[in-house]
Amino acid sequence: MLTKVIQLGIHYSDSLPKIPGFRPPFFRIRLKNKVHRLLAGFVLSVINESVLEDPMLAIYVENLSDLAVVECKGGMIRDESVFKLRDVVLAQTAARIIVLDLSEVGAIGGGGLQMLAFLDRWAREHGIQFKLFSPSRAVLEGLVQNRSILNFEIASFHEMMRILAMQDDAQYALAA
């Protein structure tokens, strides 16, 4: 971080030739003291990092007897986000149904789409139903562009309510 700050504090106007009547553009204003340079460099580095950084994927899991609801929020662009999702879903081996709630996924890349296909195939091989619930517009567009939307089972709101009601009935039957 400190190296970024120092690099951003360099005076580019010092390296320009001294031509009479030439004035450097206004964005090359020379900062008078080191404190201002450090502050300006820090602000520039924060702005640059926030523009380039996509939101990380947050994953929440709720297990209801043999149903696992995996809620995803953020972006599925970077490899670590995609592998994080894989690890969470693969840990749900006790579930009979895995529902992936993608309503809060703002962006998905090719790696994320491939991981969804992998997880669907893994679930079928292990006798687990794998459903996508409420995929966001970005996810739907990615699935359509990838021509894989027909391969996934997308649960409707009414189907989710039916699945949750069955889980409640099963929990009450076990308690009795």
N, C-alpha and C. Protein backbone atom coordinates (compact mmCIF):
# COMPACT_ATOMS: atom_id res chain seq x y z
N MET A 1 0.83 -1.19 0.00
CA MET A 1 0.00 0.00 0.00
C MET A 1 0.87 1.25 0.00
N LEU A 2 1.95 1.22 0.79
CA LEU A 2 2.82 2.39 0.88
C LEU A 2 3.52 2.63 -0.45
N THR A 3 3.88 1.57 -1.17
CA THR A 3 4.54 1.76 -2.46
C THR A 3 3.61 2.42 -3.46
N LYS A 4 2.31 2.08 -3.40
CA LYS A 4 1.35 2.74 -4.29
C LYS A 4 1.27 4.22 -4.00
N VAL A 5 1.23 4.54 -2.72
CA VAL A 5 1.12 5.94 -2.31
C VAL A 5 2.32 6.73 -2.79
N ILE A 6 3.50 6.17 -2.64
CA ILE A 6 4.72 6.88 -3.04
C ILE A 6 4.75 7.03 -4.56
N GLN A 7 4.36 6.00 -5.29
CA GLN A 7 4.36 6.09 -6.74
C GLN A 7 3.37 7.12 -7.24
N LEU A 8 2.23 7.24 -6.60
CA LEU A 8 1.22 8.19 -7.04
C LEU A 8 1.59 9.63 -6.68
N GLY A 9 2.57 9.82 -5.79
CA GLY A 9 2.96 11.17 -5.39
C GLY A 9 4.05 11.77 -6.25
N ILE A 10 4.46 11.14 -7.33
CA ILE A 10 5.54 11.64 -8.19
C ILE A 10 5.07 12.89 -8.93
N HIS A 11 5.96 13.86 -9.09
CA HIS A 11 5.65 15.09 -9.82
C HIS A 11 6.00 14.90 -11.29
N TYR A 12 5.01 14.77 -12.11
CA TYR A 12 5.26 14.61 -13.54
C TYR A 12 5.59 15.95 -14.20
N SER A 13 5.18 17.06 -13.60
CA SER A 13 5.45 18.36 -14.20
C SER A 13 6.94 18.71 -14.13
N ASP A 14 7.70 18.07 -13.21
CA ASP A 14 9.13 18.32 -13.11
C ASP A 14 9.88 17.79 -14.32
N SER A 15 9.34 16.78 -14.96
CA SER A 15 10.04 16.17 -16.09
C SER A 15 9.70 16.84 -17.42
N LEU A 16 8.78 17.79 -17.44
CA LEU A 16 8.42 18.49 -18.67
C LEU A 16 9.49 19.51 -19.04
N PRO A 17 9.71 19.74 -20.33
CA PRO A 17 10.70 20.74 -20.73
C PRO A 17 10.24 22.14 -20.35
N LYS A 18 11.19 23.01 -20.03
CA LYS A 18 10.88 24.38 -19.64
C LYS A 18 10.77 25.23 -20.90
N ILE A 19 9.58 25.42 -21.39
CA ILE A 19 9.32 26.21 -22.59
C ILE A 19 8.63 27.50 -22.15
N PRO A 20 9.14 28.64 -22.56
CA PRO A 20 8.51 29.90 -22.15
C PRO A 20 7.06 29.96 -22.66
N GLY A 21 6.15 30.32 -21.77
CA GLY A 21 4.74 30.46 -22.13
C GLY A 21 3.95 29.16 -22.05
N PHE A 22 4.65 28.02 -21.83
CA PHE A 22 3.96 26.73 -21.72
C PHE A 22 3.50 26.53 -20.28
N ARG A 23 2.25 26.21 -20.11
CA ARG A 23 1.71 25.90 -18.77
C ARG A 23 1.21 24.47 -18.77
N PRO A 24 1.61 23.70 -17.80
CA PRO A 24 1.14 22.31 -17.76
C PRO A 24 -0.37 22.28 -17.52
N PRO A 25 -1.04 21.22 -17.99
CA PRO A 25 -2.48 21.10 -17.74
C PRO A 25 -2.78 21.14 -16.25
N PHE A 26 -4.01 21.52 -15.93
CA PHE A 26 -4.36 21.76 -14.53
C PHE A 26 -4.32 20.51 -13.68
N PHE A 27 -4.42 19.32 -14.27
CA PHE A 27 -4.38 18.10 -13.45
C PHE A 27 -2.97 17.75 -13.00
N ARG A 28 -1.97 18.50 -13.46
CA ARG A 28 -0.59 18.26 -13.03
C ARG A 28 -0.16 19.29 -12.00
N ILE A 29 -1.07 19.66 -11.15
CA ILE A 29 -0.75 20.63 -10.10
C ILE A 29 0.26 20.02 -9.14
N ARG A 30 1.25 20.78 -8.82
CA ARG A 30 2.27 20.31 -7.90
C ARG A 30 1.78 20.45 -6.47
N LEU A 31 1.89 19.39 -5.73
CA LEU A 31 1.50 19.45 -4.33
C LEU A 31 2.68 19.99 -3.52
N LYS A 32 2.39 20.88 -2.59
CA LYS A 32 3.43 21.62 -1.88
C LYS A 32 4.15 20.81 -0.81
N ASN A 33 3.43 19.98 -0.09
CA ASN A 33 4.15 19.25 0.96
C ASN A 33 3.83 17.76 0.92
N LYS A 34 4.60 17.00 1.64
CA LYS A 34 4.48 15.54 1.60
C LYS A 34 3.16 15.03 2.15
N VAL A 35 2.60 15.71 3.13
CA VAL A 35 1.33 15.27 3.70
C VAL A 35 0.24 15.28 2.64
N HIS A 36 0.19 16.36 1.86
CA HIS A 36 -0.81 16.42 0.80
C HIS A 36 -0.57 15.35 -0.26
N ARG A 37 0.69 15.10 -0.57
CA ARG A 37 1.01 14.07 -1.55
C ARG A 37 0.55 12.70 -1.07
N LEU A 38 0.85 12.39 0.19
CA LEU A 38 0.44 11.10 0.74
C LEU A 38 -1.07 10.97 0.77
N LEU A 39 -1.75 12.02 1.17
CA LEU A 39 -3.21 11.98 1.22
C LEU A 39 -3.79 11.80 -0.18
N ALA A 40 -3.28 12.55 -1.15
CA ALA A 40 -3.77 12.43 -2.52
C ALA A 40 -3.49 11.04 -3.08
N GLY A 41 -2.33 10.50 -2.81
CA GLY A 41 -2.00 9.16 -3.27
C GLY A 41 -2.90 8.11 -2.65
N PHE A 42 -3.18 8.25 -1.37
CA PHE A 42 -4.06 7.31 -0.69
C PHE A 42 -5.46 7.38 -1.29
N VAL A 43 -5.98 8.58 -1.51
CA VAL A 43 -7.32 8.74 -2.08
C VAL A 43 -7.37 8.13 -3.48
N LEU A 44 -6.35 8.39 -4.30
CA LEU A 44 -6.31 7.82 -5.64
C LEU A 44 -6.25 6.30 -5.60
N SER A 45 -5.46 5.74 -4.69
CA SER A 45 -5.37 4.29 -4.63
C SER A 45 -6.68 3.67 -4.15
N VAL A 46 -7.37 4.31 -3.21
CA VAL A 46 -8.66 3.80 -2.74
C VAL A 46 -9.68 3.85 -3.87
N ILE A 47 -9.70 4.96 -4.62
CA ILE A 47 -10.64 5.08 -5.73
C ILE A 47 -10.35 4.03 -6.78
N ASN A 48 -9.08 3.84 -7.15
CA ASN A 48 -8.73 2.85 -8.16
C ASN A 48 -9.06 1.44 -7.72
N GLU A 49 -8.79 1.09 -6.45
CA GLU A 49 -9.08 -0.26 -5.98
C GLU A 49 -10.58 -0.52 -5.93
N SER A 50 -11.38 0.47 -5.54
CA SER A 50 -12.82 0.23 -5.44
C SER A 50 -13.46 0.12 -6.81
N VAL A 51 -12.89 0.78 -7.82
CA VAL A 51 -13.44 0.68 -9.16
C VAL A 51 -13.14 -0.70 -9.76
N LEU A 52 -11.95 -1.22 -9.52
CA LEU A 52 -11.55 -2.49 -10.11
C LEU A 52 -12.08 -3.69 -9.35
N GLU A 53 -12.45 -3.52 -8.10
CA GLU A 53 -12.82 -4.65 -7.26
C GLU A 53 -14.29 -4.98 -7.41
N ASP A 54 -14.62 -6.23 -7.69
CA ASP A 54 -16.02 -6.62 -7.72
C ASP A 54 -16.42 -7.12 -6.34
N PRO A 55 -17.69 -7.03 -6.02
CA PRO A 55 -18.11 -7.47 -4.69
C PRO A 55 -17.89 -8.98 -4.53
N MET A 56 -17.37 -9.36 -3.40
CA MET A 56 -17.13 -10.77 -3.13
C MET A 56 -18.45 -11.48 -2.92
N LEU A 57 -18.43 -12.77 -3.07
CA LEU A 57 -19.60 -13.59 -2.91
C LEU A 57 -19.78 -13.94 -1.43
N ALA A 58 -20.95 -13.64 -0.91
CA ALA A 58 -21.31 -14.04 0.45
C ALA A 58 -22.29 -15.20 0.34
N ILE A 59 -22.06 -16.24 1.13
CA ILE A 59 -22.89 -17.45 1.05
C ILE A 59 -23.46 -17.75 2.43
N TYR A 60 -24.77 -17.97 2.46
CA TYR A 60 -25.46 -18.33 3.69
C TYR A 60 -26.17 -19.66 3.46
N VAL A 61 -26.06 -20.58 4.41
CA VAL A 61 -26.65 -21.91 4.27
C VAL A 61 -27.64 -22.13 5.40
N GLU A 62 -28.80 -22.66 5.04
CA GLU A 62 -29.78 -23.06 6.05
C GLU A 62 -30.17 -24.49 5.76
N ASN A 63 -30.01 -25.36 6.75
CA ASN A 63 -30.36 -26.78 6.61
C ASN A 63 -31.66 -27.05 7.34
N LEU A 64 -32.62 -27.62 6.62
CA LEU A 64 -33.90 -28.02 7.19
C LEU A 64 -34.08 -29.50 6.88
N SER A 65 -33.80 -30.34 7.82
CA SER A 65 -33.76 -31.80 7.68
C SER A 65 -33.03 -32.19 6.40
N ASP A 66 -33.71 -32.60 5.34
CA ASP A 66 -33.00 -33.03 4.13
C ASP A 66 -33.02 -31.98 3.01
N LEU A 67 -33.25 -30.73 3.38
CA LEU A 67 -33.22 -29.61 2.43
C LEU A 67 -32.10 -28.66 2.84
N ALA A 68 -31.28 -28.27 1.87
CA ALA A 68 -30.25 -27.26 2.11
C ALA A 68 -30.53 -26.09 1.17
N VAL A 69 -30.73 -24.91 1.77
CA VAL A 69 -30.92 -23.69 0.99
C VAL A 69 -29.62 -22.90 1.07
N VAL A 70 -29.01 -22.68 -0.08
CA VAL A 70 -27.75 -21.96 -0.17
C VAL A 70 -28.04 -20.62 -0.83
N GLU A 71 -27.93 -19.55 -0.05
CA GLU A 71 -28.23 -18.21 -0.54
C GLU A 71 -26.92 -17.52 -0.90
N CYS A 72 -26.87 -16.97 -2.12
CA CYS A 72 -25.66 -16.31 -2.61
C CYS A 72 -25.94 -14.82 -2.81
N LYS A 73 -25.01 -13.99 -2.35
CA LYS A 73 -25.11 -12.54 -2.54
C LYS A 73 -23.76 -12.02 -3.02
N GLY A 74 -23.80 -11.19 -4.06
CA GLY A 74 -22.56 -10.60 -4.56
C GLY A 74 -22.28 -11.03 -5.98
N GLY A 75 -21.00 -11.16 -6.30
CA GLY A 75 -20.59 -11.51 -7.65
C GLY A 75 -19.90 -12.84 -7.71
N MET A 76 -20.14 -13.57 -8.80
CA MET A 76 -19.48 -14.85 -9.03
C MET A 76 -18.55 -14.69 -10.22
N ILE A 77 -17.57 -13.79 -10.05
CA ILE A 77 -16.64 -13.48 -11.12
C ILE A 77 -15.29 -14.13 -10.85
N ARG A 78 -14.79 -13.94 -9.69
CA ARG A 78 -13.43 -14.41 -9.36
C ARG A 78 -13.42 -15.88 -9.00
N ASP A 79 -12.25 -16.49 -9.19
CA ASP A 79 -12.10 -17.92 -8.92
C ASP A 79 -12.38 -18.26 -7.47
N GLU A 80 -11.91 -17.41 -6.54
CA GLU A 80 -12.12 -17.74 -5.12
C GLU A 80 -13.60 -17.75 -4.76
N SER A 81 -14.40 -16.91 -5.39
CA SER A 81 -15.85 -16.91 -5.15
C SER A 81 -16.47 -18.20 -5.67
N VAL A 82 -16.06 -18.60 -6.85
CA VAL A 82 -16.61 -19.81 -7.48
C VAL A 82 -16.23 -21.05 -6.67
N PHE A 83 -14.97 -21.13 -6.23
CA PHE A 83 -14.54 -22.28 -5.45
C PHE A 83 -15.16 -22.29 -4.05
N LYS A 84 -15.43 -21.12 -3.52
CA LYS A 84 -16.12 -21.03 -2.23
C LYS A 84 -17.52 -21.63 -2.35
N LEU A 85 -18.22 -21.30 -3.43
CA LEU A 85 -19.55 -21.87 -3.66
C LEU A 85 -19.46 -23.38 -3.81
N ARG A 86 -18.48 -23.85 -4.57
CA ARG A 86 -18.30 -25.30 -4.76
C ARG A 86 -18.11 -26.01 -3.42
N ASP A 87 -17.24 -25.47 -2.58
CA ASP A 87 -16.95 -26.10 -1.30
C ASP A 87 -18.18 -26.16 -0.41
N VAL A 88 -18.97 -25.08 -0.42
CA VAL A 88 -20.17 -25.05 0.42
C VAL A 88 -21.19 -26.06 -0.08
N VAL A 89 -21.42 -26.12 -1.38
CA VAL A 89 -22.43 -27.04 -1.92
C VAL A 89 -21.97 -28.50 -1.75
N LEU A 90 -20.70 -28.78 -2.00
CA LEU A 90 -20.22 -30.15 -1.86
C LEU A 90 -20.28 -30.64 -0.41
N ALA A 91 -20.33 -29.73 0.54
CA ALA A 91 -20.43 -30.12 1.95
C ALA A 91 -21.85 -30.53 2.34
N GLN A 92 -22.81 -30.32 1.45
CA GLN A 92 -24.21 -30.62 1.76
C GLN A 92 -24.58 -32.05 1.34
N THR A 93 -23.76 -33.01 1.68
CA THR A 93 -23.99 -34.40 1.24
C THR A 93 -25.18 -35.05 1.95
N ALA A 94 -25.58 -34.53 3.10
CA ALA A 94 -26.70 -35.12 3.83
C ALA A 94 -28.05 -34.65 3.28
N ALA A 95 -28.04 -33.65 2.45
CA ALA A 95 -29.29 -33.11 1.91
C ALA A 95 -29.81 -33.97 0.77
N ARG A 96 -31.12 -34.02 0.66
CA ARG A 96 -31.76 -34.70 -0.47
C ARG A 96 -32.08 -33.70 -1.57
N ILE A 97 -32.28 -32.43 -1.17
CA ILE A 97 -32.56 -31.34 -2.09
C ILE A 97 -31.64 -30.18 -1.74
N ILE A 98 -30.94 -29.64 -2.76
CA ILE A 98 -30.13 -28.44 -2.59
C ILE A 98 -30.74 -27.36 -3.46
N VAL A 99 -31.10 -26.24 -2.83
CA VAL A 99 -31.67 -25.11 -3.55
C VAL A 99 -30.66 -23.98 -3.48
N LEU A 100 -30.30 -23.49 -4.65
CA LEU A 100 -29.33 -22.39 -4.76
C LEU A 100 -30.11 -21.11 -5.06
N ASP A 101 -30.19 -20.22 -4.07
CA ASP A 101 -30.90 -18.94 -4.24
C ASP A 101 -29.93 -17.94 -4.85
N LEU A 102 -30.18 -17.58 -6.11
CA LEU A 102 -29.29 -16.68 -6.84
C LEU A 102 -29.92 -15.32 -7.09
N SER A 103 -30.90 -14.95 -6.30
CA SER A 103 -31.61 -13.68 -6.52
C SER A 103 -30.75 -12.46 -6.26
N GLU A 104 -29.71 -12.57 -5.44
CA GLU A 104 -28.86 -11.44 -5.09
C GLU A 104 -27.49 -11.48 -5.76
N VAL A 105 -27.35 -12.30 -6.80
CA VAL A 105 -26.09 -12.37 -7.53
C VAL A 105 -26.11 -11.29 -8.60
N GLY A 106 -25.20 -10.32 -8.48
CA GLY A 106 -25.18 -9.19 -9.39
C GLY A 106 -24.45 -9.45 -10.68
N ALA A 107 -23.49 -10.36 -10.67
CA ALA A 107 -22.70 -10.65 -11.87
C ALA A 107 -22.21 -12.09 -11.79
N ILE A 108 -22.11 -12.70 -12.96
CA ILE A 108 -21.60 -14.07 -13.02
C ILE A 108 -20.74 -14.19 -14.27
N GLY A 109 -19.60 -14.83 -14.11
CA GLY A 109 -18.68 -15.02 -15.22
C GLY A 109 -18.76 -16.44 -15.75
N GLY A 110 -17.90 -16.72 -16.70
CA GLY A 110 -17.87 -18.05 -17.31
C GLY A 110 -17.53 -19.13 -16.30
N GLY A 111 -16.63 -18.83 -15.38
CA GLY A 111 -16.27 -19.80 -14.34
C GLY A 111 -17.45 -20.11 -13.43
N GLY A 112 -18.25 -19.10 -13.13
CA GLY A 112 -19.44 -19.31 -12.30
C GLY A 112 -20.47 -20.17 -13.01
N LEU A 113 -20.66 -19.95 -14.30
CA LEU A 113 -21.60 -20.76 -15.08
C LEU A 113 -21.12 -22.20 -15.18
N GLN A 114 -19.83 -22.39 -15.39
CA GLN A 114 -19.28 -23.75 -15.43
C GLN A 114 -19.42 -24.45 -14.10
N MET A 115 -19.25 -23.69 -13.00
CA MET A 115 -19.39 -24.30 -11.68
C MET A 115 -20.83 -24.73 -11.43
N LEU A 116 -21.80 -23.93 -11.88
CA LEU A 116 -23.20 -24.33 -11.74
C LEU A 116 -23.46 -25.64 -12.48
N ALA A 117 -22.91 -25.78 -13.68
CA ALA A 117 -23.06 -27.03 -14.44
C ALA A 117 -22.39 -28.19 -13.70
N PHE A 118 -21.21 -27.96 -13.15
CA PHE A 118 -20.51 -29.00 -12.40
C PHE A 118 -21.33 -29.43 -11.18
N LEU A 119 -21.86 -28.45 -10.44
CA LEU A 119 -22.63 -28.77 -9.24
C LEU A 119 -23.91 -29.53 -9.58
N ASP A 120 -24.54 -29.17 -10.69
CA ASP A 120 -25.74 -29.89 -11.13
C ASP A 120 -25.40 -31.34 -11.45
N ARG A 121 -24.32 -31.56 -12.16
CA ARG A 121 -23.89 -32.92 -12.52
C ARG A 121 -23.51 -33.71 -11.26
N TRP A 122 -22.78 -33.06 -10.33
CA TRP A 122 -22.38 -33.72 -9.08
C TRP A 122 -23.61 -34.14 -8.29
N ALA A 123 -24.60 -33.26 -8.21
CA ALA A 123 -25.81 -33.57 -7.44
C ALA A 123 -26.55 -34.76 -8.05
N ARG A 124 -26.67 -34.79 -9.37
CA ARG A 124 -27.35 -35.92 -10.03
C ARG A 124 -26.62 -37.23 -9.76
N GLU A 125 -25.29 -37.19 -9.81
CA GLU A 125 -24.51 -38.41 -9.55
C GLU A 125 -24.67 -38.91 -8.13
N HIS A 126 -25.00 -38.02 -7.20
CA HIS A 126 -25.17 -38.40 -5.79
C HIS A 126 -26.63 -38.53 -5.38
N GLY A 127 -27.54 -38.52 -6.34
CA GLY A 127 -28.96 -38.69 -6.04
C GLY A 127 -29.58 -37.50 -5.31
N ILE A 128 -29.05 -36.32 -5.54
CA ILE A 128 -29.54 -35.10 -4.88
C ILE A 128 -30.22 -34.22 -5.93
N GLN A 129 -31.39 -33.70 -5.58
CA GLN A 129 -32.05 -32.75 -6.47
C GLN A 129 -31.36 -31.40 -6.32
N PHE A 130 -31.00 -30.78 -7.44
CA PHE A 130 -30.31 -29.49 -7.44
C PHE A 130 -31.19 -28.51 -8.18
N LYS A 131 -31.62 -27.45 -7.47
CA LYS A 131 -32.53 -26.47 -8.06
C LYS A 131 -31.97 -25.07 -7.91
N LEU A 132 -32.18 -24.27 -8.94
CA LEU A 132 -31.87 -22.85 -8.86
C LEU A 132 -33.16 -22.13 -8.51
N PHE A 133 -33.08 -21.19 -7.57
CA PHE A 133 -34.26 -20.44 -7.19
C PHE A 133 -34.03 -18.96 -7.45
N SER A 134 -34.95 -18.36 -8.16
CA SER A 134 -34.98 -16.92 -8.39
C SER A 134 -33.65 -16.38 -8.91
N PRO A 135 -33.15 -16.93 -10.02
CA PRO A 135 -31.88 -16.41 -10.54
C PRO A 135 -32.03 -14.95 -10.97
N SER A 136 -31.04 -14.15 -10.68
CA SER A 136 -31.07 -12.73 -11.05
C SER A 136 -30.99 -12.59 -12.57
N ARG A 137 -31.22 -11.38 -13.01
CA ARG A 137 -31.17 -11.11 -14.45
C ARG A 137 -29.79 -11.45 -15.03
N ALA A 138 -28.74 -11.12 -14.30
CA ALA A 138 -27.38 -11.42 -14.77
C ALA A 138 -27.17 -12.92 -14.93
N VAL A 139 -27.66 -13.70 -13.98
CA VAL A 139 -27.51 -15.15 -14.05
C VAL A 139 -28.32 -15.72 -15.22
N LEU A 140 -29.56 -15.25 -15.36
CA LEU A 140 -30.40 -15.73 -16.47
C LEU A 140 -29.77 -15.41 -17.81
N GLU A 141 -29.25 -14.19 -17.96
CA GLU A 141 -28.61 -13.81 -19.22
C GLU A 141 -27.39 -14.68 -19.49
N GLY A 142 -26.61 -14.97 -18.45
CA GLY A 142 -25.45 -15.84 -18.62
C GLY A 142 -25.85 -17.25 -19.02
N LEU A 143 -26.90 -17.77 -18.41
CA LEU A 143 -27.36 -19.11 -18.75
C LEU A 143 -27.90 -19.17 -20.18
N VAL A 144 -28.61 -18.12 -20.59
CA VAL A 144 -29.15 -18.08 -21.95
C VAL A 144 -28.01 -17.97 -22.97
N GLN A 145 -27.05 -17.09 -22.71
CA GLN A 145 -25.92 -16.93 -23.63
C GLN A 145 -25.08 -18.20 -23.72
N ASN A 146 -25.00 -18.90 -22.62
CA ASN A 146 -24.22 -20.13 -22.57
C ASN A 146 -25.01 -21.33 -23.11
N ARG A 147 -26.27 -21.10 -23.41
CA ARG A 147 -27.20 -22.13 -23.91
C ARG A 147 -27.32 -23.30 -22.96
N SER A 148 -27.28 -23.03 -21.67
CA SER A 148 -27.39 -24.11 -20.69
C SER A 148 -28.59 -23.93 -19.77
N ILE A 149 -29.48 -22.99 -20.08
CA ILE A 149 -30.61 -22.74 -19.19
C ILE A 149 -31.54 -23.94 -19.13
N LEU A 150 -31.64 -24.69 -20.22
CA LEU A 150 -32.53 -25.86 -20.24
C LEU A 150 -32.00 -27.01 -19.40
N ASN A 151 -30.71 -26.99 -19.08
CA ASN A 151 -30.11 -28.06 -18.29
C ASN A 151 -30.42 -27.94 -16.81
N PHE A 152 -30.86 -26.78 -16.36
CA PHE A 152 -31.08 -26.54 -14.94
C PHE A 152 -32.56 -26.57 -14.59
N GLU A 153 -32.83 -27.05 -13.39
CA GLU A 153 -34.19 -27.01 -12.87
C GLU A 153 -34.32 -25.72 -12.07
N ILE A 154 -35.18 -24.83 -12.54
CA ILE A 154 -35.39 -23.55 -11.87
C ILE A 154 -36.71 -23.64 -11.11
N ALA A 155 -36.62 -23.54 -9.79
CA ALA A 155 -37.80 -23.67 -8.93
C ALA A 155 -38.58 -22.36 -8.90
N SER A 156 -39.88 -22.47 -9.03
CA SER A 156 -40.74 -21.30 -8.93
C SER A 156 -40.98 -20.99 -7.45
N PHE A 157 -41.58 -19.84 -7.21
CA PHE A 157 -41.91 -19.46 -5.83
C PHE A 157 -42.87 -20.47 -5.21
N HIS A 158 -43.88 -20.89 -5.96
CA HIS A 158 -44.87 -21.85 -5.44
C HIS A 158 -44.23 -23.21 -5.15
N GLU A 159 -43.31 -23.63 -6.00
CA GLU A 159 -42.61 -24.89 -5.76
C GLU A 159 -41.76 -24.80 -4.49
N MET A 160 -41.11 -23.67 -4.29
CA MET A 160 -40.31 -23.49 -3.06
C MET A 160 -41.20 -23.52 -1.82
N MET A 161 -42.36 -22.89 -1.90
CA MET A 161 -43.28 -22.92 -0.76
C MET A 161 -43.74 -24.34 -0.47
N ARG A 162 -43.98 -25.13 -1.52
CA ARG A 162 -44.39 -26.53 -1.34
C ARG A 162 -43.25 -27.33 -0.71
N ILE A 163 -42.02 -27.12 -1.17
CA ILE A 163 -40.87 -27.83 -0.61
C ILE A 163 -40.68 -27.47 0.86
N LEU A 164 -40.79 -26.19 1.18
CA LEU A 164 -40.64 -25.76 2.58
C LEU A 164 -41.76 -26.29 3.45
N ALA A 165 -42.98 -26.36 2.91
CA ALA A 165 -44.10 -26.92 3.68
C ALA A 165 -43.88 -28.40 3.96
N MET A 166 -43.35 -29.12 2.97
CA MET A 166 -43.05 -30.54 3.18
C MET A 166 -41.98 -30.72 4.24
N GLN A 167 -41.00 -29.81 4.28
CA GLN A 167 -39.95 -29.89 5.28
C GLN A 167 -40.50 -29.64 6.68
N ASP A 168 -41.43 -28.68 6.79
CA ASP A 168 -42.07 -28.42 8.08
C ASP A 168 -42.86 -29.63 8.55
N ASP A 169 -43.60 -30.26 7.63
CA ASP A 169 -44.37 -31.45 7.99
C ASP A 169 -43.45 -32.58 8.45
N ALA A 170 -42.32 -32.74 7.78
CA ALA A 170 -41.38 -33.79 8.14
C ALA A 170 -40.77 -33.52 9.52
N GLN A 171 -40.50 -32.26 9.83
CA GLN A 171 -39.93 -31.94 11.14
C GLN A 171 -40.94 -32.20 12.25
N TYR A 172 -42.22 -31.86 12.01
CA TYR A 172 -43.24 -32.10 13.03
C TYR A 172 -43.51 -33.60 13.20
N ALA A 173 -43.40 -34.36 12.12
CA ALA A 173 -43.59 -35.82 12.21
C ALA A 173 -42.47 -36.44 13.04
N LEU A 174 -41.24 -35.94 12.87
CA LEU A 174 -40.13 -36.46 13.66
C LEU A 174 -40.27 -36.10 15.14
N ALA A 175 -40.84 -34.94 15.42
CA ALA A 175 -41.01 -34.52 16.80
C ALA A 175 -42.09 -35.32 17.52
N ALA A 176 -43.05 -35.82 16.78
CA ALA A 176 -44.16 -36.56 17.40
C ALA A 176 -43.78 -37.97 17.65
